[in-house]
N, C-alpha and C. Protein backbone atom coordinates (compact mmCIF):
# COMPACT_ATOMS: atom_id res chain seq x y z
N MET A 1 -3.19 14.93 -17.47
CA MET A 1 -1.98 14.17 -17.17
C MET A 1 -2.38 12.79 -16.64
N GLY A 2 -1.74 11.76 -17.18
CA GLY A 2 -2.00 10.40 -16.72
C GLY A 2 -1.37 10.14 -15.36
N TYR A 3 -1.83 9.07 -14.72
CA TYR A 3 -1.34 8.75 -13.37
C TYR A 3 0.13 8.34 -13.37
N GLU A 4 0.57 7.68 -14.41
CA GLU A 4 1.98 7.29 -14.47
C GLU A 4 2.86 8.53 -14.67
N GLU A 5 2.37 9.49 -15.43
CA GLU A 5 3.10 10.76 -15.58
C GLU A 5 3.12 11.51 -14.24
N LYS A 6 2.03 11.42 -13.50
CA LYS A 6 1.97 12.07 -12.19
C LYS A 6 3.00 11.46 -11.24
N LEU A 7 3.16 10.16 -11.30
CA LEU A 7 4.20 9.50 -10.50
C LEU A 7 5.57 10.09 -10.81
N LYS A 8 5.87 10.22 -12.09
CA LYS A 8 7.17 10.78 -12.50
C LYS A 8 7.32 12.20 -12.01
N GLU A 9 6.24 12.99 -12.12
CA GLU A 9 6.27 14.38 -11.65
C GLU A 9 6.58 14.44 -10.15
N LEU A 10 6.10 13.45 -9.41
CA LEU A 10 6.36 13.37 -7.97
C LEU A 10 7.74 12.80 -7.65
N GLY A 11 8.49 12.43 -8.70
CA GLY A 11 9.82 11.87 -8.51
C GLY A 11 9.80 10.42 -8.05
N LEU A 12 8.71 9.71 -8.37
CA LEU A 12 8.55 8.32 -7.94
C LEU A 12 8.58 7.38 -9.13
N GLU A 13 8.98 6.16 -8.84
CA GLU A 13 9.00 5.11 -9.85
C GLU A 13 8.43 3.85 -9.22
N LEU A 14 7.59 3.16 -9.97
CA LEU A 14 7.04 1.91 -9.44
C LEU A 14 8.12 0.84 -9.41
N PRO A 15 8.15 0.06 -8.33
CA PRO A 15 9.09 -1.06 -8.27
C PRO A 15 8.57 -2.22 -9.12
N GLN A 16 9.34 -3.28 -9.21
CA GLN A 16 8.84 -4.52 -9.79
C GLN A 16 7.73 -5.01 -8.88
N ALA A 17 6.66 -5.53 -9.46
CA ALA A 17 5.57 -6.06 -8.65
C ALA A 17 6.09 -7.25 -7.83
N PRO A 18 5.83 -7.24 -6.51
CA PRO A 18 6.30 -8.36 -5.69
C PRO A 18 5.58 -9.64 -6.05
N LYS A 19 6.28 -10.75 -5.90
CA LYS A 19 5.72 -12.07 -6.18
C LYS A 19 5.08 -12.63 -4.91
N PRO A 20 4.01 -13.41 -5.06
CA PRO A 20 3.41 -14.04 -3.87
C PRO A 20 4.42 -14.96 -3.17
N VAL A 21 4.31 -15.01 -1.85
CA VAL A 21 5.22 -15.86 -1.08
C VAL A 21 4.50 -17.08 -0.52
N ALA A 22 3.24 -17.28 -0.90
CA ALA A 22 2.46 -18.42 -0.43
C ALA A 22 1.42 -18.75 -1.51
N THR A 23 0.41 -19.49 -1.14
CA THR A 23 -0.60 -19.94 -2.09
C THR A 23 -1.73 -18.92 -2.20
N TYR A 24 -1.49 -17.90 -2.99
CA TYR A 24 -2.49 -16.87 -3.28
C TYR A 24 -2.06 -16.14 -4.54
N VAL A 25 -2.96 -15.32 -5.07
CA VAL A 25 -2.62 -14.50 -6.22
C VAL A 25 -2.54 -13.05 -5.75
N PRO A 26 -1.74 -12.21 -6.42
CA PRO A 26 -1.58 -10.83 -5.98
C PRO A 26 -2.83 -9.97 -6.16
N ALA A 27 -3.69 -10.35 -7.12
CA ALA A 27 -4.87 -9.54 -7.40
C ALA A 27 -5.97 -10.42 -8.01
N VAL A 28 -7.20 -10.03 -7.72
CA VAL A 28 -8.37 -10.68 -8.32
C VAL A 28 -9.30 -9.59 -8.82
N ARG A 29 -9.69 -9.72 -10.08
CA ARG A 29 -10.65 -8.77 -10.63
C ARG A 29 -12.04 -9.39 -10.59
N ALA A 30 -12.98 -8.62 -10.08
CA ALA A 30 -14.38 -9.03 -10.05
C ALA A 30 -15.18 -7.87 -10.64
N GLY A 31 -15.58 -7.99 -11.88
CA GLY A 31 -16.29 -6.91 -12.55
C GLY A 31 -15.42 -5.68 -12.66
N GLU A 32 -15.88 -4.58 -12.10
CA GLU A 32 -15.14 -3.32 -12.18
C GLU A 32 -14.30 -3.06 -10.94
N LEU A 33 -14.09 -4.09 -10.12
CA LEU A 33 -13.26 -3.94 -8.93
C LEU A 33 -12.03 -4.83 -9.03
N LEU A 34 -10.90 -4.29 -8.59
CA LEU A 34 -9.66 -5.04 -8.50
C LEU A 34 -9.28 -5.12 -7.03
N PHE A 35 -9.25 -6.34 -6.50
CA PHE A 35 -8.91 -6.57 -5.10
C PHE A 35 -7.44 -6.99 -5.04
N LEU A 36 -6.64 -6.21 -4.32
CA LEU A 36 -5.22 -6.53 -4.19
C LEU A 36 -4.97 -7.23 -2.86
N SER A 37 -4.16 -8.26 -2.91
CA SER A 37 -3.78 -8.97 -1.69
C SER A 37 -2.96 -8.04 -0.79
N GLY A 38 -2.77 -8.46 0.43
CA GLY A 38 -1.93 -7.69 1.35
C GLY A 38 -0.52 -7.55 0.79
N VAL A 39 0.02 -6.34 0.88
CA VAL A 39 1.34 -6.03 0.32
C VAL A 39 2.22 -5.49 1.42
N LEU A 40 3.45 -5.97 1.45
CA LEU A 40 4.43 -5.56 2.46
C LEU A 40 5.34 -4.47 1.90
N PRO A 41 6.08 -3.78 2.75
CA PRO A 41 7.01 -2.73 2.29
C PRO A 41 8.33 -3.33 1.78
N MET A 42 8.27 -3.90 0.58
CA MET A 42 9.44 -4.54 -0.02
C MET A 42 10.18 -3.55 -0.92
N GLN A 43 11.51 -3.60 -0.87
CA GLN A 43 12.35 -2.83 -1.78
C GLN A 43 13.47 -3.74 -2.25
N ASN A 44 13.63 -3.84 -3.57
CA ASN A 44 14.68 -4.69 -4.16
C ASN A 44 14.63 -6.10 -3.62
N GLY A 45 13.41 -6.64 -3.48
CA GLY A 45 13.25 -8.02 -3.03
C GLY A 45 13.44 -8.25 -1.54
N GLN A 46 13.68 -7.20 -0.79
CA GLN A 46 13.92 -7.32 0.65
C GLN A 46 12.88 -6.52 1.42
N LEU A 47 12.54 -7.00 2.59
CA LEU A 47 11.64 -6.26 3.47
C LEU A 47 12.38 -5.04 3.99
N ALA A 48 11.85 -3.85 3.71
CA ALA A 48 12.57 -2.60 4.03
C ALA A 48 12.30 -2.12 5.45
N PHE A 49 11.17 -2.48 6.04
CA PHE A 49 10.82 -2.01 7.38
C PHE A 49 10.29 -3.18 8.20
N THR A 50 11.02 -3.53 9.25
CA THR A 50 10.60 -4.59 10.14
C THR A 50 10.51 -4.05 11.57
N GLY A 51 9.73 -4.74 12.37
CA GLY A 51 9.60 -4.36 13.77
C GLY A 51 8.27 -3.70 14.03
N LYS A 52 8.09 -3.33 15.27
CA LYS A 52 6.81 -2.78 15.71
C LYS A 52 6.89 -1.27 15.88
N LEU A 53 5.81 -0.63 15.47
CA LEU A 53 5.66 0.80 15.68
C LEU A 53 5.50 1.04 17.17
N GLY A 54 6.16 2.08 17.66
CA GLY A 54 6.09 2.38 19.08
C GLY A 54 7.16 1.67 19.88
N ARG A 55 7.96 0.83 19.22
CA ARG A 55 9.09 0.19 19.88
C ARG A 55 10.32 0.31 19.00
N GLU A 56 10.40 -0.45 17.92
CA GLU A 56 11.58 -0.36 17.04
C GLU A 56 11.46 0.75 16.00
N LEU A 57 10.24 1.15 15.68
CA LEU A 57 10.04 2.13 14.61
C LEU A 57 9.22 3.32 15.09
N THR A 58 9.52 4.49 14.51
CA THR A 58 8.79 5.72 14.81
C THR A 58 7.62 5.88 13.84
N VAL A 59 6.73 6.79 14.13
CA VAL A 59 5.62 7.08 13.23
C VAL A 59 6.12 7.50 11.84
N PRO A 60 7.10 8.42 11.72
CA PRO A 60 7.59 8.76 10.36
C PRO A 60 8.15 7.55 9.61
N GLN A 61 8.82 6.64 10.31
CA GLN A 61 9.32 5.43 9.65
C GLN A 61 8.14 4.56 9.20
N GLY A 62 7.12 4.47 10.03
CA GLY A 62 5.94 3.70 9.67
C GLY A 62 5.23 4.30 8.47
N MET A 63 5.17 5.63 8.41
CA MET A 63 4.56 6.30 7.26
C MET A 63 5.32 5.99 5.98
N GLU A 64 6.63 5.96 6.06
CA GLU A 64 7.45 5.62 4.89
C GLU A 64 7.23 4.16 4.50
N ALA A 65 7.11 3.28 5.48
CA ALA A 65 6.81 1.87 5.20
C ALA A 65 5.47 1.75 4.47
N ALA A 66 4.48 2.53 4.88
CA ALA A 66 3.17 2.51 4.22
C ALA A 66 3.28 3.03 2.79
N ARG A 67 4.09 4.05 2.56
CA ARG A 67 4.31 4.58 1.21
C ARG A 67 4.94 3.51 0.31
N VAL A 68 5.94 2.83 0.84
CA VAL A 68 6.61 1.78 0.07
C VAL A 68 5.63 0.66 -0.25
N ALA A 69 4.82 0.27 0.72
CA ALA A 69 3.86 -0.81 0.51
C ALA A 69 2.82 -0.42 -0.55
N ILE A 70 2.33 0.82 -0.51
CA ILE A 70 1.30 1.21 -1.48
C ILE A 70 1.91 1.34 -2.88
N LEU A 71 3.18 1.72 -3.00
CA LEU A 71 3.83 1.71 -4.32
C LEU A 71 3.92 0.29 -4.86
N ASN A 72 4.19 -0.68 -3.98
CA ASN A 72 4.19 -2.08 -4.40
C ASN A 72 2.79 -2.51 -4.84
N ALA A 73 1.78 -2.05 -4.13
CA ALA A 73 0.41 -2.37 -4.52
C ALA A 73 0.09 -1.79 -5.90
N LEU A 74 0.52 -0.57 -6.14
CA LEU A 74 0.28 0.05 -7.45
C LEU A 74 1.05 -0.68 -8.55
N ALA A 75 2.21 -1.22 -8.23
CA ALA A 75 2.97 -2.02 -9.21
C ALA A 75 2.18 -3.27 -9.58
N ILE A 76 1.53 -3.89 -8.60
CA ILE A 76 0.69 -5.05 -8.88
C ILE A 76 -0.50 -4.64 -9.75
N ALA A 77 -1.12 -3.50 -9.42
CA ALA A 77 -2.25 -3.02 -10.22
C ALA A 77 -1.82 -2.78 -11.66
N LYS A 78 -0.68 -2.18 -11.86
CA LYS A 78 -0.20 -1.92 -13.22
C LYS A 78 0.06 -3.24 -13.95
N GLN A 79 0.63 -4.20 -13.25
CA GLN A 79 0.89 -5.51 -13.85
C GLN A 79 -0.43 -6.16 -14.29
N GLU A 80 -1.46 -6.02 -13.49
CA GLU A 80 -2.76 -6.62 -13.80
C GLU A 80 -3.51 -5.88 -14.89
N LEU A 81 -3.42 -4.54 -14.89
CA LEU A 81 -4.23 -3.71 -15.78
C LEU A 81 -3.50 -3.24 -17.03
N GLY A 82 -2.17 -3.26 -17.00
CA GLY A 82 -1.38 -2.75 -18.11
C GLY A 82 -1.03 -1.28 -17.95
N SER A 83 -1.85 -0.54 -17.23
CA SER A 83 -1.61 0.89 -17.02
C SER A 83 -2.37 1.35 -15.78
N LEU A 84 -1.75 2.24 -15.03
CA LEU A 84 -2.44 2.84 -13.88
C LEU A 84 -3.60 3.73 -14.34
N ASP A 85 -3.58 4.15 -15.58
CA ASP A 85 -4.63 5.02 -16.09
C ASP A 85 -5.98 4.30 -16.18
N ARG A 86 -6.00 3.00 -15.98
CA ARG A 86 -7.26 2.25 -15.96
C ARG A 86 -7.90 2.26 -14.57
N ILE A 87 -7.21 2.87 -13.59
CA ILE A 87 -7.79 3.01 -12.26
C ILE A 87 -8.76 4.18 -12.29
N VAL A 88 -10.00 3.91 -11.92
CA VAL A 88 -11.05 4.93 -11.90
C VAL A 88 -11.10 5.60 -10.52
N ARG A 89 -10.91 4.79 -9.48
CA ARG A 89 -10.98 5.30 -8.11
C ARG A 89 -10.34 4.32 -7.16
N VAL A 90 -9.70 4.85 -6.13
CA VAL A 90 -9.25 4.03 -5.01
C VAL A 90 -10.47 3.93 -4.09
N VAL A 91 -10.97 2.72 -3.91
CA VAL A 91 -12.21 2.53 -3.15
C VAL A 91 -11.92 2.37 -1.66
N LYS A 92 -10.98 1.47 -1.32
CA LYS A 92 -10.74 1.18 0.09
C LYS A 92 -9.30 0.75 0.30
N VAL A 93 -8.77 1.15 1.44
CA VAL A 93 -7.44 0.72 1.89
C VAL A 93 -7.59 0.16 3.29
N VAL A 94 -7.05 -1.02 3.49
CA VAL A 94 -7.01 -1.61 4.83
C VAL A 94 -5.54 -1.77 5.19
N GLY A 95 -5.14 -1.14 6.27
CA GLY A 95 -3.75 -1.19 6.70
C GLY A 95 -3.60 -1.87 8.04
N HIS A 96 -2.70 -2.82 8.08
CA HIS A 96 -2.36 -3.51 9.32
C HIS A 96 -1.00 -2.98 9.76
N VAL A 97 -0.91 -2.53 10.99
CA VAL A 97 0.31 -1.92 11.51
C VAL A 97 0.81 -2.75 12.69
N ALA A 98 2.01 -3.30 12.57
CA ALA A 98 2.60 -4.05 13.69
C ALA A 98 2.83 -3.06 14.82
N SER A 99 2.17 -3.29 15.95
CA SER A 99 2.12 -2.28 17.00
C SER A 99 2.57 -2.83 18.34
N ALA A 100 3.45 -2.07 19.00
CA ALA A 100 3.82 -2.39 20.37
C ALA A 100 2.63 -2.10 21.28
N GLU A 101 2.62 -2.73 22.41
CA GLU A 101 1.53 -2.50 23.37
C GLU A 101 1.43 -1.00 23.67
N GLY A 102 0.22 -0.49 23.61
CA GLY A 102 -0.02 0.92 23.91
C GLY A 102 0.11 1.85 22.72
N PHE A 103 0.58 1.36 21.57
CA PHE A 103 0.71 2.21 20.38
C PHE A 103 -0.67 2.42 19.76
N THR A 104 -1.06 3.67 19.55
CA THR A 104 -2.40 3.96 19.03
C THR A 104 -2.40 4.90 17.82
N ASP A 105 -1.24 5.11 17.20
CA ASP A 105 -1.16 6.03 16.06
C ASP A 105 -1.22 5.32 14.71
N GLN A 106 -1.94 4.20 14.64
CA GLN A 106 -2.08 3.48 13.38
C GLN A 106 -2.64 4.36 12.27
N PRO A 107 -3.66 5.21 12.54
CA PRO A 107 -4.15 6.07 11.45
C PRO A 107 -3.07 7.00 10.89
N GLN A 108 -2.22 7.53 11.74
CA GLN A 108 -1.14 8.42 11.27
C GLN A 108 -0.17 7.64 10.38
N VAL A 109 0.16 6.42 10.77
CA VAL A 109 1.06 5.59 9.97
C VAL A 109 0.46 5.38 8.58
N LEU A 110 -0.83 5.05 8.52
CA LEU A 110 -1.49 4.78 7.25
C LEU A 110 -1.63 6.02 6.38
N ASN A 111 -1.51 7.21 6.98
CA ASN A 111 -1.54 8.42 6.18
C ASN A 111 -0.40 8.44 5.16
N GLY A 112 0.69 7.73 5.44
CA GLY A 112 1.77 7.63 4.47
C GLY A 112 1.28 7.09 3.14
N ALA A 113 0.41 6.08 3.18
CA ALA A 113 -0.18 5.52 1.96
C ALA A 113 -1.30 6.41 1.43
N SER A 114 -2.18 6.83 2.32
CA SER A 114 -3.35 7.62 1.89
C SER A 114 -2.94 8.93 1.24
N ASP A 115 -1.99 9.64 1.85
CA ASP A 115 -1.55 10.92 1.29
C ASP A 115 -0.93 10.72 -0.09
N LEU A 116 -0.19 9.63 -0.27
CA LEU A 116 0.42 9.37 -1.57
C LEU A 116 -0.65 9.06 -2.62
N LEU A 117 -1.66 8.30 -2.25
CA LEU A 117 -2.74 7.99 -3.20
C LEU A 117 -3.45 9.26 -3.65
N VAL A 118 -3.70 10.18 -2.73
CA VAL A 118 -4.34 11.44 -3.09
C VAL A 118 -3.42 12.28 -3.96
N ALA A 119 -2.12 12.27 -3.67
CA ALA A 119 -1.16 13.02 -4.49
C ALA A 119 -1.13 12.50 -5.92
N ILE A 120 -1.28 11.20 -6.10
CA ILE A 120 -1.24 10.60 -7.44
C ILE A 120 -2.58 10.73 -8.16
N PHE A 121 -3.66 10.36 -7.48
CA PHE A 121 -4.96 10.23 -8.13
C PHE A 121 -5.92 11.40 -7.87
N GLY A 122 -5.51 12.37 -7.07
CA GLY A 122 -6.39 13.50 -6.77
C GLY A 122 -7.63 13.02 -6.03
N GLU A 123 -8.78 13.58 -6.36
CA GLU A 123 -10.04 13.20 -5.69
C GLU A 123 -10.34 11.72 -5.85
N ALA A 124 -9.93 11.12 -6.97
CA ALA A 124 -10.16 9.69 -7.18
C ALA A 124 -9.31 8.83 -6.24
N GLY A 125 -8.35 9.45 -5.57
CA GLY A 125 -7.52 8.74 -4.61
C GLY A 125 -8.06 8.75 -3.20
N ARG A 126 -9.09 9.55 -2.94
CA ARG A 126 -9.71 9.58 -1.61
C ARG A 126 -10.51 8.30 -1.43
N HIS A 127 -10.36 7.65 -0.29
CA HIS A 127 -10.87 6.30 -0.12
C HIS A 127 -11.38 6.06 1.29
N ALA A 128 -12.20 5.03 1.41
CA ALA A 128 -12.55 4.52 2.73
C ALA A 128 -11.32 3.79 3.27
N ARG A 129 -11.19 3.73 4.61
CA ARG A 129 -9.95 3.14 5.14
C ARG A 129 -10.19 2.52 6.51
N VAL A 130 -9.41 1.50 6.77
CA VAL A 130 -9.34 0.89 8.10
C VAL A 130 -7.87 0.84 8.48
N ALA A 131 -7.55 1.27 9.69
CA ALA A 131 -6.18 1.19 10.22
C ALA A 131 -6.22 0.31 11.46
N ILE A 132 -5.58 -0.86 11.38
CA ILE A 132 -5.67 -1.87 12.42
C ILE A 132 -4.30 -2.09 13.05
N GLY A 133 -4.25 -2.15 14.37
CA GLY A 133 -3.03 -2.54 15.06
C GLY A 133 -2.95 -4.05 15.10
N ALA A 134 -1.77 -4.59 14.81
CA ALA A 134 -1.57 -6.04 14.79
C ALA A 134 -0.42 -6.42 15.71
N ALA A 135 -0.57 -7.54 16.38
CA ALA A 135 0.50 -8.02 17.26
C ALA A 135 1.71 -8.46 16.44
N GLU A 136 1.48 -9.13 15.33
CA GLU A 136 2.56 -9.62 14.46
C GLU A 136 2.08 -9.60 13.02
N LEU A 137 2.98 -9.34 12.10
CA LEU A 137 2.71 -9.42 10.67
C LEU A 137 3.70 -10.36 10.02
N PRO A 138 3.40 -10.87 8.82
CA PRO A 138 4.31 -11.80 8.16
C PRO A 138 5.74 -11.23 8.05
N ARG A 139 6.71 -12.08 8.30
CA ARG A 139 8.13 -11.74 8.17
C ARG A 139 8.57 -10.56 9.05
N ARG A 140 7.81 -10.29 10.10
CA ARG A 140 8.08 -9.17 11.01
C ARG A 140 7.91 -7.81 10.32
N ALA A 141 7.10 -7.77 9.25
CA ALA A 141 6.85 -6.52 8.53
C ALA A 141 6.23 -5.49 9.45
N ALA A 142 6.54 -4.23 9.21
CA ALA A 142 5.98 -3.14 9.99
C ALA A 142 4.54 -2.85 9.59
N VAL A 143 4.23 -2.98 8.31
CA VAL A 143 2.87 -2.74 7.81
C VAL A 143 2.54 -3.75 6.72
N GLU A 144 1.25 -3.96 6.54
CA GLU A 144 0.73 -4.73 5.40
C GLU A 144 -0.53 -3.99 4.95
N ILE A 145 -0.62 -3.75 3.65
CA ILE A 145 -1.73 -2.97 3.12
C ILE A 145 -2.45 -3.76 2.04
N GLU A 146 -3.78 -3.79 2.17
CA GLU A 146 -4.62 -4.36 1.11
C GLU A 146 -5.48 -3.24 0.54
N THR A 147 -5.79 -3.36 -0.75
CA THR A 147 -6.44 -2.25 -1.46
C THR A 147 -7.52 -2.78 -2.39
N ILE A 148 -8.59 -2.00 -2.52
CA ILE A 148 -9.63 -2.27 -3.50
C ILE A 148 -9.71 -1.08 -4.44
N LEU A 149 -9.63 -1.34 -5.74
CA LEU A 149 -9.66 -0.30 -6.75
C LEU A 149 -10.83 -0.49 -7.69
N ALA A 150 -11.49 0.60 -8.07
CA ALA A 150 -12.45 0.58 -9.16
C ALA A 150 -11.67 0.80 -10.45
N VAL A 151 -11.91 -0.05 -11.45
CA VAL A 151 -11.10 -0.02 -12.68
C VAL A 151 -12.00 -0.07 -13.91
N SER A 152 -11.40 0.36 -15.03
CA SER A 152 -12.14 0.28 -16.31
C SER A 152 -11.57 -0.83 -17.16
């Protein structure tokens, strides 16, 4: 089963790939690696989750924000590659979590993205990861996720 079919089986659909909001490109391919820029939890052109974890948002809300952001990242990958089936492995995920003072559950928040990647890609979805607490993120986003993919 292909990865796009797996998405459908999970009841998921990729959104439109978000457009850059500044002077950068959404993805850069270097050999067999595809580096994705930081992606926010956008839905229908709007930021779906704003505020800080541990103050305005709960861990489950943060996990959903991470899921939305990684689906946007996959939409960018599909736009760049033509098909998700060209992804060989998810290499690394770096997640920035807007965090209130004292909030330390950034890894749990990022599990929203990591668990979804494993559900879609199986063993090829297991990745190295960094979960970072941030004082502020662009547009008051709750999370921002950058991803490195091995591609064919």
